[in-house]
Structures are given as structure tokens and as C-alpha cells.
Amino acid sequence: MPRRVLVVTHPGNPVAMAALTDLKRELEGHGFVVTVDRAPSDAPMAFGDASEAALNLEAVQAYEIVVVLGGDGTILRAAELTHGTEIPILGINLGHVGFLAEAEREDISYAVKRLAARDFTVEERTVAAVTVERPDDSEPLVGWALNEATIEKASLQRMIEVGIEVDRRPLSSFGCDGIIVSTATGSTAHAFSAGGPVMWPDVAGVLLVPLAAHALFARPLVIGPTSEFRITLLRRSPIPAVLACDGRRSVDLPLGSVVTVRLGDHPLKFARLNPAPFTDRLVSKLSLPIKGWRETAEPAAGTPSVAAPSSGGLVNNARKDGVTGESSS
């Protein structure tokens, strides 16, 4: 049987189109049959659309792996295609940070050689299962998120009023601009920007971060793998809200709507080419100052200086060192 690869990229990005030419040449040179998904990565999706999810699953089953050319947004598009399957995603970063990507533009030839030799490991990332109950719907809507489910106010002028429960026990209620409920993977995305903590990817928890809450107790909260958050848009709220999963699949939330978020049962698969731990990825992607300003000051006489590790590309470093194996990120 031929080895088939699905390439997901953004057709409106000239950098991606140039990289696509190189990627196809490398893949076909190693005997792969290449199909390109050219749907824009920012194309709107419907929350809870079971028919679309079924079509995606049927279309992607023929492929050995999905290779993504782009940033994290394009990887989220690929995740919509592979969710519920065993097919891994390999991200080649053409964006800015690229937390979910495994390689950079200059690593295409090396990455394809590793794929051809099946010299990679597969890492699982948990997703959030999201259920929406709306007052006028007879059945709940069911969706998921790799990064986060965000409840945001529907207009700029007023705050929304929400009630927070954990495992069906009331915890707090307040006015706010919104609520972010995040996976460990999403803790370095929207939740991080809102002041939430960084969670290592193997933490089986769900994070809640209030946005501009008008409350004394509105700190980020992390619950375990068997618990769930339940957020109610209270009927006294002056305005409705909108739920967005990964910034892509959205649904309106009228007053009285209830959003429940817990860990999902079907993790996503990511191909990893090097064993760099998440700590190294965090330092590299965020350009963290391993040496603080106190250390960079003129050292006292006789005080040895501390050498900071290289923050070069993770795949490049692994290639230079000849290191392969399972990633612990």
C-alpha cells in the first residue's frame, strides 16, 4: 500500500506556498503520495456539528500522518481533521511562537527523512470535552477544544454575570468580561495571556481563568481529571455571551445557558522528532531569560559565571547531537 500524507496549510500565505513546494518535493522523493488540504486555517467552523466531524474522520482515515505548514492556528485546523483518530500531526512552524510545532522551515528535509524512516514518537495531548445547554434547545450541544473554551461577552459595553460550580457544587459568582477554561496544552495560549499558570502537558487537569472579574475571589483554578467546571450565564446578566472553542468553533449563549467542561476521552496525537523536555521548549519558544538581570550584572571577583544553554531550534539541536527518542514534553 502506498504511504499517504495529508498536508494542511494556508493557501493565502505566500511563505506557506513556497514551503509547500519544498515539502511536496521531499515527500514524493521518499515515495509518499501527497494530498494538500487547502482550506483556510481561519475558516469558520460550527460548534457541535456532528455531520462535519464525521466527514472529516472519513476523509482523513486514509492517511498515515498529517503534516502542517503554518503556525498554531493551522495546527488547530489539522486537529479538527484528526480528532477522534489515531493519526498523528507533525507541525512545521511558519508562524511566530509555534508551541505545537515540532520543526522549523529549514528543517523540512530532515523532518521528512525521519518520517520516511518512521523515526519519531507519538505524544498524546488531552482535549477538553465541552457541553452547552441552552434554554430553548431540547438537546445539549457537544464539542471539544485542544487549547481552550472561552466564554466572552457578546457586546463591549457591559459585563456578563456568571456562576461557577465544580462537580455540581457552587463555588462563586461574579461579573466579568469572560471565562477561559483551558487544557494543559492551552495553558500557554489565551489562558497564559490572561495571567493563568503554565501547566506541563502531562498534567491531567483543567484550568479556569476569569477575565477582568469584579470579585474578591477570582483566581485561576485547576481541577483534576475526574472533575468538571460548570459555568452558568446567569439570567440577571445584562447581556448574552458567546462560547468559542480554540477561537474557531463558536455558539451563542443566551441568558440561562450552562457550559460544562471536563477532560475529554479522545486525546490528539502529535509526532515528535526529538526528546527535548517541555522545560526546554518553554525556554526556547518564549525566549526566557535563564540568566536574570542580577546574574548579567558584573560578577563579583572570584564568582564563576553561569553559562546559559543554547536556545536554538529544538530539532536543529537534536540533529546536531544525534539525539532521537521519545519526547517528554
Protein backbone atom coordinates (compact mmCIF):
# COMPACT_ATOMS: atom_id res chain seq x y z
CA MET A 1 0.00 0.00 0.00
CA PRO A 2 1.30 3.50 -0.79
CA ARG A 3 2.19 5.70 2.15
CA ARG A 4 -0.16 8.69 2.12
CA VAL A 5 0.40 12.08 3.73
CA LEU A 6 -2.11 14.88 4.13
CA VAL A 7 -0.54 18.35 4.14
CA VAL A 8 -2.52 21.15 5.78
CA THR A 9 -1.52 24.72 5.05
CA HIS A 10 -2.95 28.18 4.42
CA PRO A 11 -3.48 28.84 0.69
CA GLY A 12 -3.36 32.61 1.14
CA ASN A 13 0.11 32.64 2.69
CA PRO A 14 2.93 33.03 0.12
CA VAL A 15 5.53 31.78 2.61
CA ALA A 16 3.45 28.64 3.14
CA MET A 17 3.07 28.12 -0.61
CA ALA A 18 6.84 28.33 -1.11
CA ALA A 19 7.42 25.87 1.74
CA LEU A 20 4.72 23.58 0.31
CA THR A 21 6.69 23.22 -2.93
CA ASP A 22 9.77 22.10 -0.99
CA LEU A 23 7.78 19.79 1.27
CA LYS A 24 5.99 18.04 -1.61
CA ARG A 25 9.28 17.50 -3.43
CA GLU A 26 10.86 15.94 -0.34
CA LEU A 27 7.84 13.75 0.46
CA GLU A 28 7.39 12.49 -3.09
CA GLY A 29 11.14 11.85 -3.31
CA HIS A 30 10.72 9.42 -0.38
CA GLY A 31 7.78 7.66 -2.03
CA PHE A 32 4.88 9.35 -0.25
CA VAL A 33 1.60 10.11 -2.01
CA VAL A 34 0.75 13.71 -1.06
CA THR A 35 -2.67 15.33 -0.75
CA VAL A 36 -2.97 19.01 0.14
CA ASP A 37 -5.85 20.38 2.21
CA ARG A 38 -6.13 23.98 1.10
CA ALA A 39 -8.97 25.11 3.33
CA PRO A 40 -8.07 28.41 5.04
CA SER A 41 -6.96 27.78 8.62
CA ASP A 42 -9.23 30.59 9.78
CA ALA A 43 -12.35 29.27 8.02
CA PRO A 44 -15.31 29.42 10.45
CA MET A 45 -16.48 26.13 11.95
CA ALA A 46 -19.78 25.17 13.55
CA PHE A 47 -19.73 24.16 17.22
CA GLY A 48 -21.13 20.67 17.78
CA ASP A 49 -21.59 19.85 14.09
CA ALA A 50 -21.55 16.06 14.20
CA SER A 51 -22.04 15.67 10.44
CA GLU A 52 -18.99 17.79 9.62
CA ALA A 53 -16.91 15.89 12.19
CA ALA A 54 -17.98 12.59 10.60
CA LEU A 55 -16.98 13.83 7.13
CA ASN A 56 -13.58 14.91 8.46
CA LEU A 57 -13.00 11.50 10.07
CA GLU A 58 -13.92 9.66 6.90
CA ALA A 59 -11.67 11.84 4.75
CA VAL A 60 -8.58 11.59 6.95
CA GLN A 61 -8.59 7.84 7.64
CA ALA A 62 -6.58 7.05 4.50
CA TYR A 63 -3.51 8.96 5.68
CA GLU A 64 -0.51 7.83 7.70
CA ILE A 65 0.21 11.27 9.10
CA VAL A 66 -0.88 14.89 8.75
CA VAL A 67 1.91 17.42 8.18
CA VAL A 68 1.10 21.06 8.92
CA LEU A 69 2.82 24.05 7.37
CA GLY A 70 1.96 27.13 9.38
CA GLY A 71 1.51 28.40 12.90
CA ASP A 72 -0.58 27.14 15.79
CA GLY A 73 -3.77 28.32 14.06
CA THR A 74 -3.15 25.99 11.13
CA ILE A 75 -2.34 23.16 13.54
CA LEU A 76 -5.71 23.74 15.20
CA ARG A 77 -7.30 23.32 11.77
CA ALA A 78 -5.47 19.99 11.38
CA ALA A 79 -6.63 18.96 14.85
CA GLU A 80 -10.23 19.29 13.67
CA LEU A 81 -9.45 16.75 10.96
CA THR A 82 -7.69 14.19 13.17
CA HIS A 83 -9.67 14.44 16.43
CA GLY A 84 -11.07 11.01 17.21
CA THR A 85 -8.46 9.15 15.14
CA GLU A 86 -5.03 7.65 15.80
CA ILE A 87 -3.39 9.76 13.08
CA PRO A 88 -0.58 11.98 14.39
CA ILE A 89 0.11 15.60 13.43
CA LEU A 90 3.58 16.90 12.62
CA GLY A 91 3.80 20.68 12.75
CA ILE A 92 6.37 22.65 10.75
CA ASN A 93 6.30 26.17 12.11
CA LEU A 94 5.86 29.13 9.77
CA GLY A 95 4.24 31.34 12.39
CA HIS A 96 5.54 33.23 15.42
CA VAL A 97 5.75 31.07 18.56
CA GLY A 98 4.55 27.70 17.29
CA PHE A 99 4.22 25.89 20.62
CA LEU A 100 2.60 22.89 18.95
CA ALA A 101 5.08 22.68 16.07
CA GLU A 102 7.98 20.24 16.06
CA ALA A 103 10.19 21.68 13.34
CA GLU A 104 11.03 24.94 11.61
CA ARG A 105 11.02 25.87 7.92
CA GLU A 106 14.69 24.98 7.47
CA ASP A 107 14.12 21.51 8.96
CA ILE A 108 11.79 20.21 6.20
CA SER A 109 14.31 17.84 4.57
CA TYR A 110 15.42 16.43 7.93
CA ALA A 111 11.83 16.01 9.15
CA VAL A 112 10.78 14.13 6.01
CA LYS A 113 13.75 11.76 6.32
CA ARG A 114 12.66 10.97 9.87
CA LEU A 115 9.06 10.38 8.73
CA ALA A 116 10.20 8.11 5.91
CA ALA A 117 12.22 6.03 8.39
CA ARG A 118 9.31 6.09 10.87
CA ASP A 119 11.86 7.52 13.28
CA PHE A 120 9.53 9.51 15.50
CA THR A 121 7.46 9.04 18.62
CA VAL A 122 3.83 9.89 19.22
CA GLU A 123 2.78 12.12 22.09
CA GLU A 124 -0.80 12.40 23.31
CA ARG A 125 -2.33 15.76 24.26
CA THR A 126 -5.54 15.79 26.26
CA VAL A 127 -8.51 17.79 25.00
CA ALA A 128 -11.43 19.37 26.82
CA ALA A 129 -14.92 17.96 26.36
CA VAL A 130 -17.39 20.86 26.18
CA THR A 131 -21.17 20.59 26.61
CA VAL A 132 -23.56 23.50 26.11
CA GLU A 133 -27.12 23.53 27.45
CA ARG A 134 -29.26 26.41 26.18
CA PRO A 135 -32.76 27.23 27.47
CA ASP A 136 -34.52 26.81 24.12
CA ASP A 137 -32.65 23.69 22.94
CA SER A 138 -34.14 20.26 23.54
CA GLU A 139 -30.72 18.57 23.44
CA PRO A 140 -27.30 19.77 24.62
CA LEU A 141 -24.64 20.65 22.08
CA VAL A 142 -21.38 18.71 22.41
CA GLY A 143 -17.95 19.92 21.31
CA TRP A 144 -14.28 19.88 22.28
CA ALA A 145 -11.19 22.05 22.48
CA LEU A 146 -7.46 21.37 22.29
CA ASN A 147 -6.48 24.73 23.80
CA GLU A 148 -9.43 26.37 25.49
CA ALA A 149 -13.15 27.04 25.64
CA THR A 150 -13.70 30.77 26.15
CA ILE A 151 -16.94 32.40 27.27
CA GLU A 152 -16.91 36.04 26.19
CA LYS A 153 -19.43 38.85 26.49
CA ALA A 154 -21.44 39.48 23.34
CA SER A 155 -21.05 43.28 23.46
CA LEU A 156 -18.35 45.60 24.71
CA GLN A 157 -20.40 47.93 26.90
CA ARG A 158 -21.35 45.64 29.81
CA MET A 159 -20.01 42.70 31.83
CA ILE A 160 -21.62 39.28 31.95
CA GLU A 161 -22.74 37.67 35.21
CA VAL A 162 -21.64 34.07 35.71
CA GLY A 163 -21.92 31.37 38.34
CA ILE A 164 -19.08 28.86 38.78
CA GLU A 165 -19.54 25.30 40.04
CA VAL A 166 -17.08 22.43 40.48
CA ASP A 167 -18.61 18.94 40.41
CA ARG A 168 -22.10 20.48 40.71
CA ARG A 169 -21.18 22.30 43.91
CA PRO A 170 -21.45 26.13 43.82
CA LEU A 171 -18.14 27.92 44.19
CA SER A 172 -18.58 31.58 43.28
CA SER A 173 -20.45 34.08 41.12
CA PHE A 174 -19.37 37.45 39.77
CA GLY A 175 -19.42 39.88 36.88
CA CYS A 176 -16.59 39.65 34.37
CA ASP A 177 -15.55 40.12 30.76
CA GLY A 178 -15.36 36.37 30.28
CA ILE A 179 -14.08 32.98 31.41
CA ILE A 180 -11.29 30.86 29.89
CA VAL A 181 -11.36 27.11 30.56
CA SER A 182 -8.13 25.58 29.32
CA THR A 183 -6.31 22.29 28.93
CA ALA A 184 -2.66 21.93 29.89
CA THR A 185 -1.78 22.44 26.22
CA GLY A 186 -3.81 25.65 26.12
CA SER A 187 -2.27 27.00 29.30
CA THR A 188 0.46 28.65 27.18
CA ALA A 189 -2.07 30.28 24.85
CA HIS A 190 -5.06 32.51 25.73
CA ALA A 191 -5.02 31.49 29.41
CA PHE A 192 -1.36 32.44 29.72
CA SER A 193 -2.04 35.88 28.25
CA ALA A 194 -4.81 36.35 30.81
CA GLY A 195 -2.48 35.63 33.75
CA GLY A 196 -3.04 31.91 34.16
CA PRO A 197 -0.29 29.48 35.20
CA VAL A 198 1.75 27.36 32.80
CA MET A 199 0.77 23.69 33.10
CA TRP A 200 3.14 20.98 31.90
CA PRO A 201 1.48 18.94 29.11
CA ASP A 202 1.31 15.73 31.14
CA VAL A 203 -0.79 17.40 33.85
CA ALA A 204 -4.25 15.84 33.59
CA GLY A 205 -6.14 18.88 34.74
CA VAL A 206 -8.44 21.65 33.57
CA LEU A 207 -7.67 25.32 34.22
CA LEU A 208 -10.21 28.15 34.69
CA VAL A 209 -9.11 31.79 34.37
CA PRO A 210 -11.61 34.65 34.90
CA LEU A 211 -11.21 37.71 32.67
CA ALA A 212 -11.37 41.08 34.45
CA ALA A 213 -13.63 39.74 37.18
CA HIS A 214 -15.33 42.16 39.57
CA ALA A 215 -14.86 39.94 42.62
CA LEU A 216 -12.66 39.38 45.64
CA PHE A 217 -12.20 35.69 44.82
CA ALA A 218 -11.48 35.32 41.12
CA ARG A 219 -8.17 33.49 40.96
CA PRO A 220 -7.17 30.85 38.38
CA LEU A 221 -8.34 27.38 39.43
CA VAL A 222 -7.09 23.93 38.42
CA ILE A 223 -9.21 20.80 38.87
CA GLY A 224 -8.26 17.14 38.46
CA PRO A 225 -9.04 14.64 35.70
CA THR A 226 -12.33 13.40 37.18
CA SER A 227 -13.80 16.80 37.99
CA GLU A 228 -15.66 19.31 35.83
CA PHE A 229 -16.32 23.02 35.69
CA ARG A 230 -19.88 24.19 35.20
CA ILE A 231 -20.34 27.84 34.20
CA THR A 232 -23.84 29.33 34.11
CA LEU A 233 -24.64 32.57 32.33
CA LEU A 234 -26.96 33.91 35.00
CA ARG A 235 -30.36 35.23 33.99
CA ARG A 236 -29.58 38.51 35.74
CA SER A 237 -26.69 39.08 33.33
CA PRO A 238 -27.34 42.29 31.38
CA ILE A 239 -26.06 40.81 28.09
CA PRO A 240 -25.69 37.37 26.48
CA ALA A 241 -22.37 35.71 25.70
CA VAL A 242 -20.55 33.67 23.06
CA LEU A 243 -18.61 30.42 23.53
CA ALA A 244 -15.58 29.82 21.31
CA CYS A 245 -13.51 26.62 21.29
CA ASP A 246 -9.90 27.18 20.18
CA GLY A 247 -11.07 30.53 18.78
CA ARG A 248 -12.69 28.62 15.89
CA ARG A 249 -15.93 26.78 16.72
CA SER A 250 -18.43 29.15 18.32
CA VAL A 251 -22.01 29.17 19.57
CA ASP A 252 -24.23 31.90 21.04
CA LEU A 253 -25.07 31.68 24.75
CA PRO A 254 -28.40 33.26 25.68
CA LEU A 255 -29.14 34.03 29.33
CA GLY A 256 -29.54 30.86 31.38
CA SER A 257 -27.10 28.84 29.27
CA VAL A 258 -24.81 26.36 31.02
CA VAL A 259 -21.35 25.34 29.80
CA THR A 260 -19.73 22.22 31.26
CA VAL A 261 -16.03 21.49 30.65
CA ARG A 262 -14.05 18.40 31.66
CA LEU A 263 -11.20 16.35 30.24
CA GLY A 264 -12.18 14.56 27.05
CA ASP A 265 -11.86 10.87 26.29
CA HIS A 266 -10.06 11.18 22.93
CA PRO A 267 -6.60 12.79 23.07
CA LEU A 268 -4.93 14.18 19.99
CA LYS A 269 -1.70 12.65 18.66
CA PHE A 270 1.43 14.64 17.81
CA ALA A 271 4.56 13.32 16.11
CA ARG A 272 7.75 14.22 17.96
CA LEU A 273 11.22 14.15 16.41
CA ASN A 274 13.37 14.91 19.44
CA PRO A 275 13.40 14.23 23.18
CA ALA A 276 13.58 17.83 24.40
CA PRO A 277 11.64 18.18 27.67
CA PHE A 278 8.87 20.74 27.92
CA THR A 279 11.07 22.98 30.07
CA ASP A 280 13.49 23.41 27.16
CA ARG A 281 10.61 24.07 24.76
CA LEU A 282 9.22 26.71 27.09
CA VAL A 283 12.57 28.48 27.34
CA SER A 284 13.13 28.31 23.57
CA LYS A 285 9.64 29.34 22.43
CA LEU A 286 9.29 32.22 24.90
CA SER A 287 12.97 33.24 24.84
CA LEU A 288 13.01 33.12 28.62
CA PRO A 289 16.00 34.77 30.34
CA ILE A 290 17.70 31.84 32.03
CA LYS A 291 20.20 34.36 33.35
CA GLY A 292 18.34 37.06 35.26
CA TRP A 293 19.37 40.70 35.37
CA ARG A 294 21.21 40.12 38.66
CA GLU A 295 23.38 37.44 37.06
CA THR A 296 24.10 39.53 33.98
CA ALA A 297 25.49 42.32 36.12
CA GLU A 298 29.25 42.42 36.58
CA PRO A 299 30.08 39.32 38.70
CA ALA A 300 31.95 39.78 41.93
CA ALA A 301 35.62 38.85 41.94
CA GLY A 302 36.07 35.10 42.12
CA THR A 303 32.42 34.34 41.31
CA PRO A 304 32.09 31.87 38.43
CA SER A 305 29.67 32.87 35.70
CA VAL A 306 26.73 30.61 34.80
CA ALA A 307 26.54 29.55 31.18
CA ALA A 308 23.03 29.55 29.72
CA PRO A 309 22.08 26.63 27.48
CA SER A 310 21.57 27.34 23.81
CA SER A 311 18.07 28.42 22.84
CA GLY A 312 18.49 27.30 19.23
CA GLY A 313 15.88 25.32 17.34
CA LEU A 314 14.90 22.13 19.13
CA VAL A 315 15.06 19.97 16.04
CA ASN A 316 18.34 21.54 14.94
CA ASN A 317 19.90 20.83 18.33
CA ALA A 318 18.68 17.25 18.29
CA ARG A 319 20.04 16.77 14.79
CA LYS A 320 23.45 18.15 15.70
CA ASP A 321 23.64 15.97 18.78
CA GLY A 322 22.40 12.88 17.01
CA VAL A 323 19.63 12.54 19.57
CA THR A 324 16.35 10.83 18.84
CA GLY A 325 13.77 9.18 21.04
CA GLU A 326 10.63 9.90 22.97
CA SER A 327 9.76 13.45 23.89
CA SER A 328 8.78 14.11 27.46
CA SER A 329 7.02 17.35 26.61
